[in-house]
Amino acid sequence: MAKKELPEFKTIGEMAEFWDTHDSTEFEEGEVEAVEYKPKRVVLSVRFDAGDMLAITREARRLGMDRATLVRVAVKQFLEKRRHSQG
């Protein structure tokens, strides 16, 4: 069976629609390349009381990570727990 040629896409939506109905094995090897998707990140500034910041700093040090990582992990765990409890 002859392999197909990959079309040109004008938008990401057009590309997504195409891949919803096609498989990469339909195309010549080397024409389709896997890419790693990295979601866009945004920055959020949060104010903490001095006592809370001290506790965050101490806990982050104890765990061997920086404060931002500790807070990000804690928020992600909270959100994941909420998702599971809501169904």
N, C-alpha and C. Protein backbone atom coordinates (compact mmCIF):
# COMPACT_ATOMS: atom_id res chain seq x y z
N MET A 1 0.84 -1.19 0.00
CA MET A 1 0.00 0.00 0.00
C MET A 1 0.88 1.25 0.00
N ALA A 2 0.63 2.18 -0.89
CA ALA A 2 1.42 3.40 -1.00
C ALA A 2 1.15 4.31 0.19
N LYS A 3 2.23 4.92 0.66
CA LYS A 3 2.11 5.84 1.78
C LYS A 3 1.59 7.18 1.29
N LYS A 4 0.83 7.88 2.14
CA LYS A 4 0.25 9.18 1.79
C LYS A 4 1.25 10.30 2.06
N GLU A 5 1.00 11.44 1.42
CA GLU A 5 1.81 12.62 1.66
C GLU A 5 1.11 13.48 2.70
N LEU A 6 1.87 14.00 3.65
CA LEU A 6 1.31 14.82 4.71
C LEU A 6 0.89 16.17 4.16
N PRO A 7 -0.36 16.59 4.41
CA PRO A 7 -0.82 17.89 3.89
C PRO A 7 -0.25 19.06 4.67
N GLU A 8 -0.34 20.25 4.11
CA GLU A 8 0.05 21.49 4.81
C GLU A 8 -1.15 21.95 5.63
N PHE A 9 -0.90 22.45 6.82
CA PHE A 9 -1.98 22.92 7.69
C PHE A 9 -1.87 24.43 7.87
N LYS A 10 -3.01 25.10 7.85
CA LYS A 10 -3.04 26.56 8.03
C LYS A 10 -3.18 26.94 9.50
N THR A 11 -3.84 26.08 10.29
CA THR A 11 -4.05 26.38 11.71
C THR A 11 -3.81 25.13 12.55
N ILE A 12 -3.61 25.34 13.84
CA ILE A 12 -3.45 24.21 14.75
C ILE A 12 -4.76 23.42 14.82
N GLY A 13 -5.88 24.13 14.78
CA GLY A 13 -7.18 23.45 14.79
C GLY A 13 -7.35 22.51 13.61
N GLU A 14 -6.92 22.96 12.46
CA GLU A 14 -6.98 22.15 11.24
C GLU A 14 -6.10 20.91 11.40
N MET A 15 -4.92 21.08 11.99
CA MET A 15 -4.02 19.96 12.21
C MET A 15 -4.63 18.97 13.21
N ALA A 16 -5.21 19.49 14.29
CA ALA A 16 -5.81 18.63 15.31
C ALA A 16 -6.96 17.82 14.71
N GLU A 17 -7.77 18.47 13.91
CA GLU A 17 -8.89 17.79 13.24
C GLU A 17 -8.38 16.67 12.34
N PHE A 18 -7.31 16.93 11.62
CA PHE A 18 -6.73 15.94 10.72
C PHE A 18 -6.25 14.72 11.50
N TRP A 19 -5.50 14.94 12.61
CA TRP A 19 -4.94 13.83 13.37
C TRP A 19 -5.99 13.08 14.17
N ASP A 20 -7.18 13.66 14.34
CA ASP A 20 -8.30 12.93 14.97
C ASP A 20 -8.76 11.77 14.10
N THR A 21 -8.50 11.86 12.80
CA THR A 21 -9.00 10.84 11.87
C THR A 21 -7.90 10.13 11.10
N HIS A 22 -6.63 10.38 11.43
CA HIS A 22 -5.52 9.76 10.73
C HIS A 22 -4.51 9.19 11.72
N ASP A 23 -3.66 8.30 11.22
CA ASP A 23 -2.63 7.66 12.03
C ASP A 23 -1.28 7.92 11.37
N SER A 24 -0.25 8.13 12.17
CA SER A 24 1.07 8.46 11.62
C SER A 24 1.65 7.35 10.76
N THR A 25 1.19 6.11 10.95
CA THR A 25 1.71 5.00 10.14
C THR A 25 1.25 5.06 8.69
N GLU A 26 0.30 5.94 8.38
CA GLU A 26 -0.18 6.10 7.01
C GLU A 26 0.81 6.89 6.14
N PHE A 27 1.84 7.46 6.76
CA PHE A 27 2.73 8.38 6.07
C PHE A 27 4.16 7.85 6.03
N GLU A 28 4.94 8.38 5.08
CA GLU A 28 6.33 7.98 4.90
C GLU A 28 7.11 8.20 6.20
N GLU A 29 8.00 7.25 6.50
CA GLU A 29 8.85 7.39 7.67
C GLU A 29 9.72 8.62 7.50
N GLY A 30 9.87 9.40 8.54
CA GLY A 30 10.66 10.62 8.47
C GLY A 30 9.81 11.83 8.15
N GLU A 31 8.63 11.62 7.59
CA GLU A 31 7.75 12.75 7.27
C GLU A 31 6.99 13.20 8.52
N VAL A 32 6.74 12.27 9.43
CA VAL A 32 6.02 12.57 10.66
C VAL A 32 7.02 12.44 11.81
N GLU A 33 7.09 13.47 12.61
CA GLU A 33 8.06 13.51 13.70
C GLU A 33 7.34 13.76 15.02
N ALA A 34 7.67 12.96 16.03
CA ALA A 34 7.07 13.15 17.35
C ALA A 34 7.68 14.38 18.00
N VAL A 35 6.85 15.17 18.66
CA VAL A 35 7.32 16.34 19.39
C VAL A 35 6.79 16.28 20.81
N GLU A 36 7.53 16.86 21.70
CA GLU A 36 7.11 16.90 23.09
C GLU A 36 6.25 18.14 23.30
N TYR A 37 5.07 17.94 23.88
CA TYR A 37 4.17 19.06 24.15
C TYR A 37 4.50 19.64 25.51
N LYS A 38 4.75 20.91 25.55
CA LYS A 38 5.01 21.59 26.81
C LYS A 38 3.91 22.63 27.02
N PRO A 39 3.05 22.40 28.01
CA PRO A 39 1.99 23.37 28.24
C PRO A 39 2.55 24.73 28.63
N LYS A 40 1.85 25.76 28.25
CA LYS A 40 2.26 27.11 28.57
C LYS A 40 2.18 27.31 30.08
N ARG A 41 3.18 27.95 30.63
CA ARG A 41 3.20 28.25 32.06
C ARG A 41 3.00 29.74 32.26
N VAL A 42 2.33 30.08 33.32
CA VAL A 42 2.13 31.48 33.69
C VAL A 42 2.63 31.68 35.12
N VAL A 43 2.91 32.89 35.46
CA VAL A 43 3.42 33.22 36.79
C VAL A 43 2.29 33.81 37.62
N LEU A 44 2.21 33.39 38.88
CA LEU A 44 1.23 33.90 39.82
C LEU A 44 1.97 34.40 41.04
N SER A 45 1.75 35.64 41.39
CA SER A 45 2.38 36.20 42.58
C SER A 45 1.41 36.03 43.75
N VAL A 46 1.91 35.47 44.85
CA VAL A 46 1.08 35.21 46.03
C VAL A 46 1.74 35.84 47.25
N ARG A 47 0.95 36.54 48.07
CA ARG A 47 1.47 37.13 49.31
C ARG A 47 1.22 36.19 50.48
N PHE A 48 2.23 36.02 51.33
CA PHE A 48 2.12 35.21 52.54
C PHE A 48 2.49 36.05 53.74
N ASP A 49 1.89 35.75 54.88
CA ASP A 49 2.32 36.36 56.14
C ASP A 49 3.75 35.90 56.41
N ALA A 50 4.49 36.70 57.19
CA ALA A 50 5.88 36.38 57.48
C ALA A 50 6.02 35.00 58.13
N GLY A 51 5.12 34.67 59.04
CA GLY A 51 5.20 33.37 59.71
C GLY A 51 4.98 32.21 58.75
N ASP A 52 4.02 32.38 57.83
CA ASP A 52 3.77 31.34 56.84
C ASP A 52 4.96 31.20 55.89
N MET A 53 5.56 32.32 55.52
CA MET A 53 6.71 32.27 54.62
C MET A 53 7.88 31.57 55.30
N LEU A 54 8.06 31.82 56.58
CA LEU A 54 9.13 31.14 57.31
C LEU A 54 8.88 29.63 57.34
N ALA A 55 7.64 29.23 57.59
CA ALA A 55 7.30 27.80 57.61
C ALA A 55 7.51 27.18 56.23
N ILE A 56 7.13 27.89 55.18
CA ILE A 56 7.31 27.39 53.81
C ILE A 56 8.81 27.23 53.52
N THR A 57 9.60 28.22 53.91
CA THR A 57 11.04 28.18 53.68
C THR A 57 11.67 26.99 54.40
N ARG A 58 11.31 26.80 55.66
CA ARG A 58 11.86 25.68 56.43
C ARG A 58 11.47 24.33 55.82
N GLU A 59 10.20 24.18 55.45
CA GLU A 59 9.73 22.91 54.87
C GLU A 59 10.40 22.65 53.53
N ALA A 60 10.55 23.68 52.73
CA ALA A 60 11.21 23.53 51.42
C ALA A 60 12.66 23.07 51.62
N ARG A 61 13.35 23.69 52.55
CA ARG A 61 14.75 23.28 52.83
C ARG A 61 14.80 21.84 53.29
N ARG A 62 13.88 21.47 54.19
CA ARG A 62 13.85 20.10 54.72
C ARG A 62 13.67 19.09 53.59
N LEU A 63 12.86 19.46 52.59
CA LEU A 63 12.58 18.57 51.46
C LEU A 63 13.59 18.71 50.32
N GLY A 64 14.50 19.66 50.43
CA GLY A 64 15.53 19.85 49.41
C GLY A 64 15.02 20.47 48.13
N MET A 65 14.07 21.39 48.26
CA MET A 65 13.54 22.08 47.08
C MET A 65 13.39 23.56 47.39
N ASP A 66 13.17 24.36 46.36
CA ASP A 66 12.95 25.78 46.63
C ASP A 66 11.50 26.03 47.01
N ARG A 67 11.23 27.21 47.52
CA ARG A 67 9.89 27.53 48.02
C ARG A 67 8.83 27.46 46.93
N ALA A 68 9.15 27.97 45.74
CA ALA A 68 8.17 27.98 44.65
C ALA A 68 7.77 26.55 44.28
N THR A 69 8.74 25.65 44.25
CA THR A 69 8.44 24.25 43.93
C THR A 69 7.55 23.64 44.99
N LEU A 70 7.86 23.90 46.26
CA LEU A 70 7.03 23.37 47.34
C LEU A 70 5.58 23.86 47.22
N VAL A 71 5.40 25.15 47.00
CA VAL A 71 4.05 25.70 46.89
C VAL A 71 3.33 25.13 45.66
N ARG A 72 4.04 25.02 44.53
CA ARG A 72 3.45 24.47 43.30
C ARG A 72 3.01 23.03 43.53
N VAL A 73 3.85 22.21 44.18
CA VAL A 73 3.52 20.82 44.46
C VAL A 73 2.30 20.74 45.38
N ALA A 74 2.28 21.57 46.41
CA ALA A 74 1.15 21.57 47.35
C ALA A 74 -0.16 21.93 46.65
N VAL A 75 -0.12 22.93 45.79
CA VAL A 75 -1.34 23.34 45.07
C VAL A 75 -1.78 22.23 44.12
N LYS A 76 -0.83 21.62 43.40
CA LYS A 76 -1.18 20.53 42.49
C LYS A 76 -1.81 19.36 43.25
N GLN A 77 -1.26 19.02 44.42
CA GLN A 77 -1.83 17.95 45.23
C GLN A 77 -3.25 18.30 45.68
N PHE A 78 -3.46 19.53 46.08
CA PHE A 78 -4.78 19.99 46.49
C PHE A 78 -5.77 19.86 45.34
N LEU A 79 -5.37 20.35 44.15
CA LEU A 79 -6.27 20.30 42.99
C LEU A 79 -6.58 18.87 42.58
N GLU A 80 -5.58 18.00 42.63
CA GLU A 80 -5.79 16.59 42.29
C GLU A 80 -6.76 15.94 43.27
N LYS A 81 -6.62 16.23 44.53
CA LYS A 81 -7.52 15.69 45.55
C LYS A 81 -8.95 16.17 45.31
N ARG A 82 -9.10 17.44 44.95
CA ARG A 82 -10.43 18.02 44.66
C ARG A 82 -11.05 17.33 43.43
N ARG A 83 -10.24 17.09 42.39
CA ARG A 83 -10.75 16.43 41.19
C ARG A 83 -11.30 15.05 41.52
N HIS A 84 -10.55 14.31 42.35
CA HIS A 84 -10.97 12.96 42.71
C HIS A 84 -12.22 12.96 43.59
N SER A 85 -12.33 13.95 44.47
CA SER A 85 -13.49 13.99 45.36
C SER A 85 -14.75 14.46 44.64
N GLN A 86 -14.59 15.17 43.52
CA GLN A 86 -15.74 15.68 42.77
C GLN A 86 -16.18 14.74 41.66
N GLY A 87 -15.51 13.62 41.54
CA GLY A 87 -15.96 12.64 40.57
C GLY A 87 -15.11 12.51 39.41
